[in-house]
Amino acid sequence: MLYPLFAISLLLLCLKTLMVSLGPLFFEQPGVFVPNVNVIGLLYQFSVLIIPTLAPAIVWLWQSRDTPLLRAALAGESSQL
């Protein structure tokens, strides 16, 4: 479940590295679609800051959606242990 997100993050890391190291030469390639500088920067920040922190938590919540403890927590009920 997390592997596609990691693969996208690696792709964006490669795009950022090419953008920084090659500069204008990277964006002037004929016949190759290269996203805008701002798009690469924004998606890189998203893949480095948001995906590693929120994706595992979201997957955990999704897998635990049927547990009584999570249902009680989402409903605002206090569970008595």
PDB file of N, CA and C in Angstrom:
ATOM      1  N   MET A   1       0.821  -1.191   0.000  1.00  0.00           N
ATOM      2  CA  MET A   1       0.000   0.000   0.000  1.00  0.00           C
ATOM      3  C   MET A   1       0.869   1.260   0.000  1.00  0.00           C
ATOM      4  N   LEU A   2       1.952   1.249   0.735  1.00  0.00           N
ATOM      5  CA  LEU A   2       2.812   2.426   0.805  1.00  0.00           C
ATOM      6  C   LEU A   2       3.860   2.462  -0.299  1.00  0.00           C
ATOM      7  N   TYR A   3       4.125   1.326  -0.942  1.00  0.00           N
ATOM      8  CA  TYR A   3       5.173   1.286  -1.958  1.00  0.00           C
ATOM      9  C   TYR A   3       4.927   2.207  -3.147  1.00  0.00           C
ATOM     10  N   PRO A   4       3.711   2.329  -3.659  1.00  0.00           N
ATOM     11  CA  PRO A   4       3.516   3.303  -4.749  1.00  0.00           C
ATOM     12  C   PRO A   4       3.808   4.740  -4.324  1.00  0.00           C
ATOM     13  N   LEU A   5       3.478   5.080  -3.097  1.00  0.00           N
ATOM     14  CA  LEU A   5       3.794   6.425  -2.605  1.00  0.00           C
ATOM     15  C   LEU A   5       5.296   6.639  -2.494  1.00  0.00           C
ATOM     16  N   PHE A   6       6.003   5.604  -2.067  1.00  0.00           N
ATOM     17  CA  PHE A   6       7.461   5.705  -1.981  1.00  0.00           C
ATOM     18  C   PHE A   6       8.073   5.842  -3.368  1.00  0.00           C
ATOM     19  N   ALA A   7       7.530   5.117  -4.347  1.00  0.00           N
ATOM     20  CA  ALA A   7       8.048   5.209  -5.713  1.00  0.00           C
ATOM     21  C   ALA A   7       7.828   6.610  -6.284  1.00  0.00           C
ATOM     22  N   ILE A   8       6.664   7.186  -6.032  1.00  0.00           N
ATOM     23  CA  ILE A   8       6.392   8.550  -6.494  1.00  0.00           C
ATOM     24  C   ILE A   8       7.324   9.532  -5.803  1.00  0.00           C
ATOM     25  N   SER A   9       7.581   9.317  -4.532  1.00  0.00           N
ATOM     26  CA  SER A   9       8.500  10.186  -3.798  1.00  0.00           C
ATOM     27  C   SER A   9       9.911  10.106  -4.369  1.00  0.00           C
ATOM     28  N   LEU A  10      10.349   8.904  -4.734  1.00  0.00           N
ATOM     29  CA  LEU A  10      11.676   8.762  -5.345  1.00  0.00           C
ATOM     30  C   LEU A  10      11.745   9.447  -6.704  1.00  0.00           C
ATOM     31  N   LEU A  11      10.679   9.349  -7.484  1.00  0.00           N
ATOM     32  CA  LEU A  11      10.629  10.041  -8.773  1.00  0.00           C
ATOM     33  C   LEU A  11      10.730  11.549  -8.583  1.00  0.00           C
ATOM     34  N   LEU A  12      10.015  12.074  -7.614  1.00  0.00           N
ATOM     35  CA  LEU A  12      10.067  13.512  -7.363  1.00  0.00           C
ATOM     36  C   LEU A  12      11.423  13.938  -6.811  1.00  0.00           C
ATOM     37  N   LEU A  13      12.058  13.087  -6.039  1.00  0.00           N
ATOM     38  CA  LEU A  13      13.410  13.373  -5.565  1.00  0.00           C
ATOM     39  C   LEU A  13      14.385  13.436  -6.735  1.00  0.00           C
ATOM     40  N   CYS A  14      14.236  12.523  -7.689  1.00  0.00           N
ATOM     41  CA  CYS A  14      15.083  12.549  -8.884  1.00  0.00           C
ATOM     42  C   CYS A  14      14.834  13.813  -9.709  1.00  0.00           C
ATOM     43  N   LEU A  15      13.581  14.201  -9.871  1.00  0.00           N
ATOM     44  CA  LEU A  15      13.277  15.424 -10.612  1.00  0.00           C
ATOM     45  C   LEU A  15      13.888  16.647  -9.943  1.00  0.00           C
ATOM     46  N   LYS A  16      13.817  16.706  -8.623  1.00  0.00           N
ATOM     47  CA  LYS A  16      14.398  17.841  -7.901  1.00  0.00           C
ATOM     48  C   LYS A  16      15.909  17.864  -8.057  1.00  0.00           C
ATOM     49  N   THR A  17      16.535  16.698  -7.981  1.00  0.00           N
ATOM     50  CA  THR A  17      17.987  16.620  -8.120  1.00  0.00           C
ATOM     51  C   THR A  17      18.419  17.036  -9.524  1.00  0.00           C
ATOM     52  N   LEU A  18      17.696  16.586 -10.540  1.00  0.00           N
ATOM     53  CA  LEU A  18      18.011  17.000 -11.909  1.00  0.00           C
ATOM     54  C   LEU A  18      17.798  18.491 -12.093  1.00  0.00           C
ATOM     55  N   MET A  19      16.746  19.011 -11.500  1.00  0.00           N
ATOM     56  CA  MET A  19      16.457  20.442 -11.613  1.00  0.00           C
ATOM     57  C   MET A  19      17.571  21.272 -10.987  1.00  0.00           C
ATOM     58  N   VAL A  20      18.051  20.855  -9.831  1.00  0.00           N
ATOM     59  CA  VAL A  20      19.079  21.626  -9.136  1.00  0.00           C
ATOM     60  C   VAL A  20      20.439  21.467  -9.811  1.00  0.00           C
ATOM     61  N   SER A  21      20.767  20.247 -10.219  1.00  0.00           N
ATOM     62  CA  SER A  21      22.113  20.018 -10.746  1.00  0.00           C
ATOM     63  C   SER A  21      22.272  20.463 -12.200  1.00  0.00           C
ATOM     64  N   LEU A  22      21.250  20.291 -13.029  1.00  0.00           N
ATOM     65  CA  LEU A  22      21.371  20.654 -14.440  1.00  0.00           C
ATOM     66  C   LEU A  22      20.876  22.061 -14.752  1.00  0.00           C
ATOM     67  N   GLY A  23      19.973  22.561 -13.931  1.00  0.00           N
ATOM     68  CA  GLY A  23      19.473  23.919 -14.136  1.00  0.00           C
ATOM     69  C   GLY A  23      18.658  24.063 -15.415  1.00  0.00           C
ATOM     70  N   PRO A  24      18.922  25.124 -16.190  1.00  0.00           N
ATOM     71  CA  PRO A  24      18.132  25.389 -17.400  1.00  0.00           C
ATOM     72  C   PRO A  24      18.243  24.285 -18.456  1.00  0.00           C
ATOM     73  N   LEU A  25      19.357  23.572 -18.470  1.00  0.00           N
ATOM     74  CA  LEU A  25      19.523  22.491 -19.438  1.00  0.00           C
ATOM     75  C   LEU A  25      18.456  21.411 -19.253  1.00  0.00           C
ATOM     76  N   PHE A  26      18.060  21.182 -18.023  1.00  0.00           N
ATOM     77  CA  PHE A  26      17.036  20.178 -17.717  1.00  0.00           C
ATOM     78  C   PHE A  26      15.685  20.570 -18.308  1.00  0.00           C
ATOM     79  N   PHE A  27      15.366  21.855 -18.291  1.00  0.00           N
ATOM     80  CA  PHE A  27      14.052  22.308 -18.762  1.00  0.00           C
ATOM     81  C   PHE A  27      13.996  22.545 -20.253  1.00  0.00           C
ATOM     82  N   GLU A  28      15.124  22.560 -20.939  1.00  0.00           N
ATOM     83  CA  GLU A  28      15.167  22.843 -22.374  1.00  0.00           C
ATOM     84  C   GLU A  28      15.294  21.597 -23.225  1.00  0.00           C
ATOM     85  N   GLN A  29      14.895  20.456 -22.717  1.00  0.00           N
ATOM     86  CA  GLN A  29      14.970  19.213 -23.480  1.00  0.00           C
ATOM     87  C   GLN A  29      13.845  19.174 -24.514  1.00  0.00           C
ATOM     88  N   PRO A  30      14.192  19.014 -25.791  1.00  0.00           N
ATOM     89  CA  PRO A  30      13.148  18.973 -26.822  1.00  0.00           C
ATOM     90  C   PRO A  30      12.401  17.635 -26.798  1.00  0.00           C
ATOM     91  N   GLY A  31      11.096  17.723 -26.894  1.00  0.00           N
ATOM     92  CA  GLY A  31      10.267  16.527 -26.989  1.00  0.00           C
ATOM     93  C   GLY A  31      10.040  15.792 -25.678  1.00  0.00           C
ATOM     94  N   VAL A  32      10.460  16.360 -24.564  1.00  0.00           N
ATOM     95  CA  VAL A  32      10.281  15.709 -23.263  1.00  0.00           C
ATOM     96  C   VAL A  32       9.465  16.642 -22.385  1.00  0.00           C
ATOM     97  N   PHE A  33       8.414  16.096 -21.790  1.00  0.00           N
ATOM     98  CA  PHE A  33       7.608  16.906 -20.885  1.00  0.00           C
ATOM     99  C   PHE A  33       8.311  17.025 -19.541  1.00  0.00           C
ATOM    100  N   VAL A  34       8.586  18.246 -19.148  1.00  0.00           N
ATOM    101  CA  VAL A  34       9.181  18.528 -17.849  1.00  0.00           C
ATOM    102  C   VAL A  34       8.249  19.502 -17.136  1.00  0.00           C
ATOM    103  N   PRO A  35       7.785  19.149 -15.940  1.00  0.00           N
ATOM    104  CA  PRO A  35       6.878  20.064 -15.220  1.00  0.00           C
ATOM    105  C   PRO A  35       7.557  21.389 -14.877  1.00  0.00           C
ATOM    106  N   ASN A  36       6.742  22.338 -14.532  1.00  0.00           N
ATOM    107  CA  ASN A  36       7.202  23.657 -14.126  1.00  0.00           C
ATOM    108  C   ASN A  36       8.062  23.546 -12.863  1.00  0.00           C
ATOM    109  N   VAL A  37       8.944  24.526 -12.657  1.00  0.00           N
ATOM    110  CA  VAL A  37       9.817  24.541 -11.480  1.00  0.00           C
ATOM    111  C   VAL A  37       8.993  24.540 -10.200  1.00  0.00           C
ATOM    112  N   ASN A  38       7.939  25.337 -10.164  1.00  0.00           N
ATOM    113  CA  ASN A  38       7.109  25.423  -8.961  1.00  0.00           C
ATOM    114  C   ASN A  38       6.379  24.115  -8.675  1.00  0.00           C
ATOM    115  N   VAL A  39       5.948  23.430  -9.724  1.00  0.00           N
ATOM    116  CA  VAL A  39       5.256  22.151  -9.541  1.00  0.00           C
ATOM    117  C   VAL A  39       6.220  21.118  -8.970  1.00  0.00           C
ATOM    118  N   ILE A  40       7.433  21.064  -9.507  1.00  0.00           N
ATOM    119  CA  ILE A  40       8.429  20.120  -8.990  1.00  0.00           C
ATOM    120  C   ILE A  40       8.741  20.428  -7.531  1.00  0.00           C
ATOM    121  N   GLY A  41       8.936  21.695  -7.211  1.00  0.00           N
ATOM    122  CA  GLY A  41       9.252  22.074  -5.833  1.00  0.00           C
ATOM    123  C   GLY A  41       8.126  21.756  -4.870  1.00  0.00           C
ATOM    124  N   LEU A  42       6.902  22.057  -5.270  1.00  0.00           N
ATOM    125  CA  LEU A  42       5.748  21.799  -4.405  1.00  0.00           C
ATOM    126  C   LEU A  42       5.536  20.302  -4.182  1.00  0.00           C
ATOM    127  N   LEU A  43       5.599  19.528  -5.257  1.00  0.00           N
ATOM    128  CA  LEU A  43       5.412  18.086  -5.113  1.00  0.00           C
ATOM    129  C   LEU A  43       6.564  17.437  -4.353  1.00  0.00           C
ATOM    130  N   TYR A  44       7.772  17.970  -4.521  1.00  0.00           N
ATOM    131  CA  TYR A  44       8.908  17.453  -3.753  1.00  0.00           C
ATOM    132  C   TYR A  44       8.691  17.697  -2.260  1.00  0.00           C
ATOM    133  N   GLN A  45       8.276  18.900  -1.904  1.00  0.00           N
ATOM    134  CA  GLN A  45       8.012  19.202  -0.496  1.00  0.00           C
ATOM    135  C   GLN A  45       6.906  18.306   0.053  1.00  0.00           C
ATOM    136  N   PHE A  46       5.868  18.094  -0.740  1.00  0.00           N
ATOM    137  CA  PHE A  46       4.768  17.230  -0.324  1.00  0.00           C
ATOM    138  C   PHE A  46       5.258  15.805  -0.101  1.00  0.00           C
ATOM    139  N   SER A  47       6.106  15.312  -1.024  1.00  0.00           N
ATOM    140  CA  SER A  47       6.556  13.925  -0.916  1.00  0.00           C
ATOM    141  C   SER A  47       7.576  13.729   0.193  1.00  0.00           C
ATOM    142  N   VAL A  48       8.277  14.777   0.589  1.00  0.00           N
ATOM    143  CA  VAL A  48       9.286  14.649   1.640  1.00  0.00           C
ATOM    144  C   VAL A  48       8.693  14.926   3.017  1.00  0.00           C
ATOM    145  N   LEU A  49       7.768  15.876   3.106  1.00  0.00           N
ATOM    146  CA  LEU A  49       7.251  16.283   4.406  1.00  0.00           C
ATOM    147  C   LEU A  49       5.925  15.627   4.780  1.00  0.00           C
ATOM    148  N   ILE A  50       5.016  15.498   3.849  1.00  0.00           N
ATOM    149  CA  ILE A  50       3.665  15.040   4.167  1.00  0.00           C
ATOM    150  C   ILE A  50       3.522  13.522   4.046  1.00  0.00           C
ATOM    151  N   ILE A  51       3.963  12.961   2.943  1.00  0.00           N
ATOM    152  CA  ILE A  51       3.758  11.530   2.717  1.00  0.00           C
ATOM    153  C   ILE A  51       4.414  10.664   3.794  1.00  0.00           C
ATOM    154  N   PRO A  52       5.686  10.894   4.157  1.00  0.00           N
ATOM    155  CA  PRO A  52       6.284  10.010   5.178  1.00  0.00           C
ATOM    156  C   PRO A  52       5.644  10.115   6.557  1.00  0.00           C
ATOM    157  N   THR A  53       5.031  11.248   6.867  1.00  0.00           N
ATOM    158  CA  THR A  53       4.441  11.385   8.194  1.00  0.00           C
ATOM    159  C   THR A  53       2.970  10.975   8.237  1.00  0.00           C
ATOM    160  N   LEU A  54       2.210  11.340   7.233  1.00  0.00           N
ATOM    161  CA  LEU A  54       0.776  11.071   7.287  1.00  0.00           C
ATOM    162  C   LEU A  54       0.349   9.755   6.648  1.00  0.00           C
ATOM    163  N   ALA A  55       1.050   9.291   5.629  1.00  0.00           N
ATOM    164  CA  ALA A  55       0.617   8.078   4.930  1.00  0.00           C
ATOM    165  C   ALA A  55       0.569   6.850   5.845  1.00  0.00           C
ATOM    166  N   PRO A  56       1.600   6.574   6.653  1.00  0.00           N
ATOM    167  CA  PRO A  56       1.474   5.406   7.549  1.00  0.00           C
ATOM    168  C   PRO A  56       0.336   5.544   8.560  1.00  0.00           C
ATOM    169  N   ALA A  57       0.120   6.750   9.056  1.00  0.00           N
ATOM    170  CA  ALA A  57      -0.977   6.943  10.012  1.00  0.00           C
ATOM    171  C   ALA A  57      -2.325   6.749   9.342  1.00  0.00           C
ATOM    172  N   ILE A  58      -2.475   7.228   8.129  1.00  0.00           N
ATOM    173  CA  ILE A  58      -3.743   7.054   7.403  1.00  0.00           C
ATOM    174  C   ILE A  58      -3.980   5.590   7.081  1.00  0.00           C
ATOM    175  N   VAL A  59      -2.941   4.870   6.673  1.00  0.00           N
ATOM    176  CA  VAL A  59      -3.082   3.433   6.394  1.00  0.00           C
ATOM    177  C   VAL A  59      -3.448   2.686   7.677  1.00  0.00           C
ATOM    178  N   TRP A  60      -2.827   3.052   8.796  1.00  0.00           N
ATOM    179  CA  TRP A  60      -3.148   2.404  10.072  1.00  0.00           C
ATOM    180  C   TRP A  60      -4.601   2.666  10.458  1.00  0.00           C
ATOM    181  N   LEU A  61      -5.052   3.908  10.320  1.00  0.00           N
ATOM    182  CA  LEU A  61      -6.452   4.215  10.631  1.00  0.00           C
ATOM    183  C   LEU A  61      -7.406   3.467   9.712  1.00  0.00           C
ATOM    184  N   TRP A  62      -7.050   3.380   8.431  1.00  0.00           N
ATOM    185  CA  TRP A  62      -7.913   2.680   7.486  1.00  0.00           C
ATOM    186  C   TRP A  62      -7.992   1.192   7.823  1.00  0.00           C
ATOM    187  N   GLN A  63      -6.867   0.593   8.222  1.00  0.00           N
ATOM    188  CA  GLN A  63      -6.883  -0.824   8.568  1.00  0.00           C
ATOM    189  C   GLN A  63      -7.574  -1.081   9.902  1.00  0.00           C
ATOM    190  N   SER A  64      -7.635  -0.083  10.768  1.00  0.00           N
ATOM    191  CA  SER A  64      -8.249  -0.244  12.086  1.00  0.00           C
ATOM    192  C   SER A  64      -9.669   0.302  12.139  1.00  0.00           C
ATOM    193  N   ARG A  65     -10.260   0.568  11.006  1.00  0.00           N
ATOM    194  CA  ARG A  65     -11.555   1.256  10.985  1.00  0.00           C
ATOM    195  C   ARG A  65     -12.690   0.444  11.607  1.00  0.00           C
ATOM    196  N   ASP A  66     -12.547  -0.859  11.691  1.00  0.00           N
ATOM    197  CA  ASP A  66     -13.623  -1.687  12.238  1.00  0.00           C
ATOM    198  C   ASP A  66     -13.402  -2.093  13.690  1.00  0.00           C
ATOM    199  N   THR A  67     -12.360  -1.611  14.312  1.00  0.00           N
ATOM    200  CA  THR A  67     -12.103  -1.989  15.697  1.00  0.00           C
ATOM    201  C   THR A  67     -13.006  -1.187  16.638  1.00  0.00           C
ATOM    202  N   PRO A  68     -13.447  -1.801  17.712  1.00  0.00           N
ATOM    203  CA  PRO A  68     -14.324  -1.098  18.654  1.00  0.00           C
ATOM    204  C   PRO A  68     -13.643   0.110  19.315  1.00  0.00           C
ATOM    205  N   LEU A  69     -12.361   0.012  19.562  1.00  0.00           N
ATOM    206  CA  LEU A  69     -11.649   1.110  20.211  1.00  0.00           C
ATOM    207  C   LEU A  69     -11.634   2.357  19.320  1.00  0.00           C
ATOM    208  N   LEU A  70     -11.361   2.177  18.045  1.00  0.00           N
ATOM    209  CA  LEU A  70     -11.338   3.317  17.126  1.00  0.00           C
ATOM    210  C   LEU A  70     -12.748   3.868  16.905  1.00  0.00           C
ATOM    211  N   ARG A  71     -13.730   2.993  16.814  1.00  0.00           N
ATOM    212  CA  ARG A  71     -15.112   3.482  16.662  1.00  0.00           C
ATOM    213  C   ARG A  71     -15.537   4.312  17.869  1.00  0.00           C
ATOM    214  N   ALA A  72     -15.159   3.868  19.055  1.00  0.00           N
ATOM    215  CA  ALA A  72     -15.508   4.617  20.265  1.00  0.00           C
ATOM    216  C   ALA A  72     -14.769   5.948  20.309  1.00  0.00           C
ATOM    217  N   ALA A  73     -13.509   5.955  19.863  1.00  0.00           N
ATOM    218  CA  ALA A  73     -12.739   7.203  19.862  1.00  0.00           C
ATOM    219  C   ALA A  73     -13.306   8.197  18.854  1.00  0.00           C
ATOM    220  N   LEU A  74     -13.729   7.717  17.697  1.00  0.00           N
ATOM    221  CA  LEU A  74     -14.291   8.605  16.680  1.00  0.00           C
ATOM    222  C   LEU A  74     -15.688   9.092  17.066  1.00  0.00           C
ATOM    223  N   ALA A  75     -16.401   8.307  17.829  1.00  0.00           N
ATOM    224  CA  ALA A  75     -17.745   8.690  18.249  1.00  0.00           C
ATOM    225  C   ALA A  75     -17.695   9.634  19.449  1.00  0.00           C
ATOM    226  N   GLY A  76     -16.555   9.759  20.071  1.00  0.00           N
ATOM    227  CA  GLY A  76     -16.405  10.650  21.219  1.00  0.00           C
ATOM    228  C   GLY A  76     -16.803  10.005  22.530  1.00  0.00           C
ATOM    229  N   GLU A  77     -16.961   8.727  22.528  1.00  0.00           N
ATOM    230  CA  GLU A  77     -17.343   8.035  23.740  1.00  0.00           C
ATOM    231  C   GLU A  77     -16.096   7.695  24.542  1.00  0.00           C
ATOM    232  N   SER A  78     -16.216   7.711  25.831  1.00  0.00           N
ATOM    233  CA  SER A  78     -15.086   7.300  26.677  1.00  0.00           C
ATOM    234  C   SER A  78     -15.235   5.799  26.937  1.00  0.00           C
ATOM    235  N   SER A  79     -14.177   5.077  26.655  1.00  0.00           N
ATOM    236  CA  SER A  79     -14.228   3.633  26.868  1.00  0.00           C
ATOM    237  C   SER A  79     -13.831   3.343  28.306  1.00  0.00           C
ATOM    238  N   GLN A  80     -14.493   2.376  28.872  1.00  0.00           N
ATOM    239  CA  GLN A  80     -14.205   1.987  30.236  1.00  0.00           C
ATOM    240  C   GLN A  80     -13.401   0.723  30.200  1.00  0.00           C
ATOM    241  N   LEU A  81     -12.172   0.806  30.698  1.00  0.00           N
ATOM    242  CA  LEU A  81     -11.289  -0.352  30.668  1.00  0.00           C
ATOM    243  C   LEU A  81     -11.378  -1.136  31.937  1.00  0.00           C
TER     244      LEU A  81
END
